[in-house]
Every structure is written in structure tokens, then in C-alpha cells.
Amino acid sequence: MKSTIGLAISTLNDGIFQIDALCNAGFDEIVIVHQITAFEKIEEYKLVYKKLSAPYIKFISMQETGLSKSRNACIENITTDYLLLCDDDNLLTENIYSTLLQSIEKYPDAITLTGKMLDDKMQPIKNYSNNTFLHSVRTAAKVSSCEMLLKRNWILQNKITFNEQFGLGATYPGGEEFIFLNDIIKAGGTARYIPINICILKTMNTSGRIYTPAMVTAKGAMIRKVYGWQFLFINLAYTMRKYGEYKSSMSAWHFIHYIYFGSINFK
């Protein structure tokens, strides 16, 4: 029997206005988690719900914020065998549904399949491999949520969720994908990279490359969550390895201060 694939879209406020194309990508089911803080626009948003209404589309409105909360709501509410995570600023590559279906048939034991994200010039946003491989703790650090196809039932049965302390809109603004993927690997799941183009990022967000105190603190908390006490050594190695990237934003001393602050205070 053919596996079913759903699309799980996370959107905030006016982001709902730009998801029309995503709703016509041929998926078996689409779940749209719409987080709302602009309450004065609720009537406008209801018009969008009506416009996009279809038997295979489900809208979930939330007043709680946080991207990880949205991802978890998507996983809980979609009913397909697999789901592709997606944001409102993504476009999907041509024939993505059939490409994913072929990948599932080729790697049926994979709990997570990850692929490539492109920029608006159709160029890869990262230095991706041309060959498939199994993810390790190290390679999981390079994966973004919108590159992930998930086997839903296994995720639910093993109680794997996005840690809601991490991610945009949470205490620690980042690191949720790394923790999520490592939780899958630690639970015995297979996470495999395959060299396929999954989505296009319409607007590049450079915040991940800007080293702010909040970002570095979040990195320290993430390292503590994944590696435990080994953060004592990993933080120092990370500080040295990334110096060329953060030196224009802060000194090595300040970087060390923030990353260890994040690790030590994480609970």
C-alpha cells in the first residue's frame, strides 16, 4: 500500500496570507498551525481560512507562541504516515510529493529523511553532500526543520517532541532541530540524508549567522541538553572553532561567558 504524506505548515499572524501555493502541492493532507498574537486581525484570518478551505486541509489556531509548540501541534494533528515540516516563507520544489514518495519506498526503515533547502536563486543554502548518509550527532547539527520528512507513528510511539524551551519564540531561540533529531537517534531511529531538493526559502534570514548574547546562550543550553556534562569541553572547542565567525560580533571572552552561562543555567 502506498504511504501517505502530509504537509505540516507553521505560520504566525500575517504569514497566513502567503501560503496559497503550499496548499496546492498535491499532499494527501495539510495541517496549518496558525499562531495568532494580532488579535485585531482575526476576522481577516478567518477569510483566509474560508478561501483555502478544502477536505484535505485542517486549520489549527493557537494563541500560544513558539515554533516548537507549532511543530508539536502539527505532528499531533496530522494523520498521514509521513509529514513534511514547512514554514510560511517556504516554497516547495517541483514534483516534491512524488520525489518524497520515491525516497520513502527506497528507504522504508528511515524515521527521518532530510534533504536540501535552496535560496531564491535555486542555489543550496548549505554545503550539502552529493551522497546519502546516516546522520550522527555531529551531522544533525546542520539540519533545519524544513528539511525533515518524519515517520509520524514512530515519532508518537516513542514520545519524541520538539523541546518547547528551544526555537523561535521560546526561552532559547534556536537549537530545537538538533535536539529533536538527536532524540530520534538516541531512541534507535534512523535519520538519513538524501541529496534531494525539498524546499525554497523565499527570504533568507541571516539571524542564524549573527552572534548575539541570546544566540550564544541558547547554543550553550542546547549543548548541555544533548551532551550533558561534556559541555565543559565541547563549549571550549566550539568557542575556538567558531572564532572566525563571531569575532566581529563579540570577543572570545564574551562568547565563553555566554555559552557557559547557557549550559550552567539550563534546567
Protein backbone atom coordinates (compact mmCIF):
# COMPACT_ATOMS: atom_id res chain seq x y z
CA MET A 1 0.00 0.00 0.00
CA LYS A 2 1.25 3.47 -0.89
CA SER A 3 2.36 5.58 2.06
CA THR A 4 0.51 8.83 2.66
CA ILE A 5 2.38 12.11 3.07
CA GLY A 6 1.12 15.24 4.74
CA LEU A 7 2.38 18.81 4.79
CA ALA A 8 2.68 20.48 8.20
CA ILE A 9 2.78 24.27 7.87
CA SER A 10 3.72 26.57 10.75
CA THR A 11 2.72 30.21 10.39
CA LEU A 12 2.41 33.30 12.59
CA ASN A 13 -0.05 36.16 12.16
CA ASP A 14 0.11 37.61 8.60
CA GLY A 15 2.23 34.71 7.39
CA ILE A 16 -1.11 33.02 6.67
CA PHE A 17 -1.51 35.35 3.68
CA GLN A 18 1.41 33.76 1.79
CA ILE A 19 0.70 30.03 1.92
CA ASP A 20 -1.62 29.65 -1.09
CA ALA A 21 0.97 27.87 -3.23
CA LEU A 22 1.80 25.43 -0.43
CA CYS A 23 -1.83 24.35 -0.27
CA ASN A 24 -1.76 23.16 -3.90
CA ALA A 25 1.29 20.90 -3.79
CA GLY A 26 -0.61 17.61 -4.03
CA PHE A 27 -0.18 16.29 -0.49
CA ASP A 28 -2.67 13.83 0.99
CA GLU A 29 -3.35 16.10 3.95
CA ILE A 30 -2.29 19.59 5.03
CA VAL A 31 -2.30 20.81 8.61
CA ILE A 32 -1.80 24.54 9.11
CA VAL A 33 -0.97 25.67 12.64
CA HIS A 34 -1.66 29.41 12.76
CA GLN A 35 -0.30 31.15 15.84
CA ILE A 36 -2.08 34.45 16.45
CA THR A 37 -0.97 37.43 18.52
CA ALA A 38 -2.50 40.09 16.22
CA PHE A 39 -6.00 39.54 17.59
CA GLU A 40 -7.37 42.61 15.82
CA LYS A 41 -6.92 40.74 12.52
CA ILE A 42 -8.80 37.58 13.42
CA GLU A 43 -11.67 38.35 11.05
CA GLU A 44 -9.20 38.81 8.18
CA TYR A 45 -7.60 35.49 9.04
CA LYS A 46 -10.99 33.77 9.02
CA LEU A 47 -11.45 34.93 5.43
CA VAL A 48 -8.19 33.20 4.51
CA TYR A 49 -9.37 30.00 6.21
CA LYS A 50 -12.56 30.14 4.15
CA LYS A 51 -10.68 30.83 0.92
CA LEU A 52 -8.27 27.92 1.41
CA SER A 53 -10.87 25.53 2.80
CA ALA A 54 -10.71 22.01 1.34
CA PRO A 55 -11.47 18.48 2.62
CA TYR A 56 -7.76 17.72 2.98
CA ILE A 57 -6.83 20.96 4.81
CA LYS A 58 -7.09 21.39 8.57
CA PHE A 59 -6.57 24.74 10.33
CA ILE A 60 -5.48 24.95 13.95
CA SER A 61 -5.45 28.40 15.57
CA MET A 62 -3.26 28.92 18.63
CA GLN A 63 -2.73 31.89 20.89
CA GLU A 64 0.42 30.31 22.33
CA THR A 65 3.61 31.30 20.55
CA GLY A 66 6.83 29.39 19.92
CA LEU A 67 7.84 27.49 16.79
CA SER A 68 8.38 24.23 18.67
CA LYS A 69 4.83 24.40 20.03
CA SER A 70 3.63 24.79 16.46
CA ARG A 71 5.68 21.82 15.22
CA ASN A 72 4.36 19.62 18.01
CA ALA A 73 0.77 20.61 17.23
CA CYS A 74 1.37 19.69 13.59
CA ILE A 75 2.70 16.24 14.48
CA GLU A 76 -0.18 15.58 16.88
CA ASN A 77 -2.94 16.63 14.50
CA ILE A 78 -1.86 15.31 11.12
CA THR A 79 -2.97 11.75 10.30
CA THR A 80 -0.75 10.71 7.37
CA ASP A 81 2.04 8.12 7.56
CA TYR A 82 4.68 10.79 6.94
CA LEU A 83 4.78 14.55 7.28
CA LEU A 84 6.99 17.22 5.81
CA LEU A 85 7.66 20.22 8.06
CA CYS A 86 7.22 23.58 6.40
CA ASP A 87 7.14 27.32 7.19
CA ASP A 88 5.09 30.08 5.58
CA ASP A 89 8.19 31.56 3.90
CA ASN A 90 8.93 28.32 2.04
CA LEU A 91 8.09 27.22 -1.48
CA LEU A 92 8.20 23.55 -2.39
CA THR A 93 10.29 22.24 -5.25
CA GLU A 94 8.63 20.85 -8.35
CA ASN A 95 7.21 17.33 -8.06
CA ILE A 96 8.18 17.20 -4.38
CA TYR A 97 5.37 14.78 -3.47
CA SER A 98 6.47 12.12 -5.97
CA THR A 99 10.13 12.69 -5.05
CA LEU A 100 9.39 12.10 -1.38
CA LEU A 101 7.27 9.04 -2.16
CA GLN A 102 10.12 7.50 -4.15
CA SER A 103 12.52 8.25 -1.29
CA ILE A 104 10.21 6.55 1.22
CA GLU A 105 10.00 3.47 -1.00
CA LYS A 106 13.79 3.39 -1.28
CA TYR A 107 14.43 3.87 2.46
CA PRO A 108 11.35 2.45 4.23
CA ASP A 109 13.17 1.98 7.55
CA ALA A 110 14.16 5.62 7.90
CA ILE A 111 12.34 7.52 10.63
CA THR A 112 13.58 10.81 9.28
CA LEU A 113 14.70 11.71 5.79
CA THR A 114 16.44 15.05 5.34
CA GLY A 115 17.27 16.87 2.14
CA LYS A 116 18.29 20.24 0.75
CA MET A 117 16.92 23.74 1.11
CA LEU A 118 17.50 26.23 -1.72
CA ASP A 119 17.63 30.03 -1.79
CA ASP A 120 15.52 32.20 -4.10
CA LYS A 121 18.16 31.78 -6.83
CA MET A 122 17.73 27.99 -6.62
CA GLN A 123 21.15 27.52 -5.03
CA PRO A 124 21.70 25.30 -1.96
CA ILE A 125 21.85 27.37 1.23
CA LYS A 126 24.41 24.99 2.77
CA ASN A 127 27.31 22.84 1.65
CA TYR A 128 25.30 19.65 1.19
CA SER A 129 26.75 16.25 0.30
CA ASN A 130 26.01 14.68 -3.08
CA ASN A 131 25.76 11.26 -1.43
CA THR A 132 23.30 9.75 1.01
CA PHE A 133 24.44 9.01 4.58
CA LEU A 134 23.10 8.21 8.04
CA HIS A 135 23.04 11.16 10.40
CA SER A 136 25.17 11.20 13.52
CA VAL A 137 25.10 13.59 16.47
CA ARG A 138 27.59 15.75 14.60
CA THR A 139 25.76 15.95 11.26
CA ALA A 140 22.41 16.50 13.00
CA ALA A 141 23.66 19.96 13.99
CA LYS A 142 23.42 21.08 10.36
CA VAL A 143 19.78 20.11 9.75
CA SER A 144 16.91 22.61 9.60
CA SER A 145 13.32 21.66 10.44
CA CYS A 146 12.06 22.35 6.91
CA GLU A 147 14.49 19.79 5.52
CA MET A 148 12.81 16.99 7.52
CA LEU A 149 10.33 14.32 6.46
CA LEU A 150 9.12 12.39 9.53
CA LYS A 151 7.54 8.97 10.04
CA ARG A 152 4.67 10.09 12.26
CA ASN A 153 3.59 6.94 14.12
CA TRP A 154 7.14 6.10 15.21
CA ILE A 155 7.62 9.66 16.46
CA LEU A 156 4.41 9.47 18.50
CA GLN A 157 5.03 5.96 19.83
CA ASN A 158 8.48 6.96 21.06
CA LYS A 159 7.17 10.23 22.52
CA ILE A 160 9.63 12.34 20.53
CA THR A 161 8.67 16.01 20.54
CA PHE A 162 10.30 19.34 19.79
CA ASN A 163 11.62 20.71 23.08
CA GLU A 164 9.47 23.77 23.69
CA GLN A 165 12.23 25.54 25.62
CA PHE A 166 14.06 25.92 22.29
CA GLY A 167 13.25 27.55 18.95
CA LEU A 168 11.94 30.89 17.77
CA GLY A 169 9.63 32.46 20.33
CA ALA A 170 10.95 30.30 23.19
CA THR A 171 13.41 30.82 26.05
CA TYR A 172 16.30 29.70 23.84
CA PRO A 173 15.85 30.99 20.25
CA GLY A 174 17.32 28.06 18.33
CA GLY A 175 18.62 24.51 18.57
CA GLU A 176 15.28 22.70 18.54
CA GLU A 177 16.04 20.75 15.33
CA PHE A 178 19.37 19.49 16.67
CA ILE A 179 17.79 18.28 19.91
CA PHE A 180 14.83 16.71 18.08
CA LEU A 181 16.99 14.79 15.61
CA ASN A 182 19.32 13.59 18.35
CA ASP A 183 16.37 12.37 20.40
CA ILE A 184 15.33 10.27 17.39
CA ILE A 185 18.83 8.82 17.01
CA LYS A 186 19.16 8.11 20.76
CA ALA A 187 15.79 6.31 20.69
CA GLY A 188 17.11 3.96 18.00
CA GLY A 189 15.59 5.67 14.98
CA THR A 190 17.36 6.02 11.66
CA ALA A 191 17.88 9.53 10.33
CA ARG A 192 19.13 9.59 6.75
CA TYR A 193 20.23 12.42 4.49
CA ILE A 194 19.35 12.09 0.81
CA PRO A 195 20.51 14.58 -1.85
CA ILE A 196 17.10 15.82 -2.98
CA ASN A 197 15.85 19.40 -3.20
CA ILE A 198 12.94 19.82 -0.80
CA CYS A 199 12.09 23.49 -0.48
CA ILE A 200 13.00 27.05 -1.41
CA LEU A 201 13.45 29.76 1.20
CA LYS A 202 11.80 32.87 -0.23
CA THR A 203 13.57 35.29 2.11
CA MET A 204 16.93 34.47 3.63
CA ASN A 205 17.03 35.03 7.40
CA THR A 206 20.58 35.82 8.44
CA SER A 207 19.85 35.79 12.17
CA GLY A 208 21.43 32.36 12.48
CA ARG A 209 24.77 33.87 11.42
CA ILE A 210 24.68 36.85 13.78
CA TYR A 211 26.18 36.01 17.15
CA THR A 212 24.12 37.75 19.82
CA PRO A 213 24.26 37.05 23.56
CA ALA A 214 20.86 35.33 23.33
CA MET A 215 22.00 33.12 20.46
CA VAL A 216 25.23 32.06 22.16
CA THR A 217 23.42 31.42 25.45
CA ALA A 218 20.94 29.23 23.55
CA LYS A 219 23.83 27.34 21.97
CA GLY A 220 25.22 26.61 25.43
CA ALA A 221 21.85 25.36 26.67
CA MET A 222 21.46 23.17 23.58
CA ILE A 223 24.91 21.63 24.05
CA ARG A 224 24.11 20.87 27.71
CA LYS A 225 20.79 19.26 26.70
CA VAL A 226 22.38 16.97 24.11
CA TYR A 227 25.81 16.23 25.60
CA GLY A 228 25.26 16.54 29.36
CA TRP A 229 28.40 17.20 31.42
CA GLN A 230 30.58 17.01 28.31
CA PHE A 231 29.57 20.63 27.69
CA LEU A 232 32.59 21.54 29.85
CA PHE A 233 34.90 20.56 26.99
CA ILE A 234 32.62 20.95 23.98
CA ASN A 235 31.89 24.61 24.74
CA LEU A 236 35.58 25.45 24.75
CA ALA A 237 36.21 23.59 21.48
CA TYR A 238 33.20 25.30 19.90
CA THR A 239 34.42 28.71 21.04
CA MET A 240 37.78 28.14 19.37
CA ARG A 241 36.35 26.64 16.18
CA LYS A 242 33.82 29.42 15.58
CA TYR A 243 36.10 32.36 16.40
CA GLY A 244 36.34 33.47 12.78
CA GLU A 245 32.54 33.71 12.59
CA TYR A 246 31.80 35.59 15.82
CA LYS A 247 34.89 37.80 16.25
CA SER A 248 33.19 40.77 14.56
CA SER A 249 30.23 40.47 16.96
CA MET A 250 31.93 39.82 20.30
CA SER A 251 35.23 38.89 21.91
CA ALA A 252 36.18 35.29 22.67
CA TRP A 253 35.90 36.13 26.37
CA HIS A 254 32.30 37.28 25.99
CA PHE A 255 31.49 34.26 23.82
CA ILE A 256 32.84 31.92 26.50
CA HIS A 257 30.85 33.77 29.15
CA TYR A 258 27.54 33.45 27.30
CA ILE A 259 27.94 29.86 26.13
CA TYR A 260 28.86 28.60 29.61
CA PHE A 261 26.12 30.73 31.14
CA GLY A 262 23.63 28.94 28.88
CA SER A 263 24.98 25.50 29.76
CA ILE A 264 25.27 26.03 33.50
CA ASN A 265 21.84 27.60 33.90
CA PHE A 266 19.95 25.16 31.66
CA LYS A 267 17.42 23.06 33.57
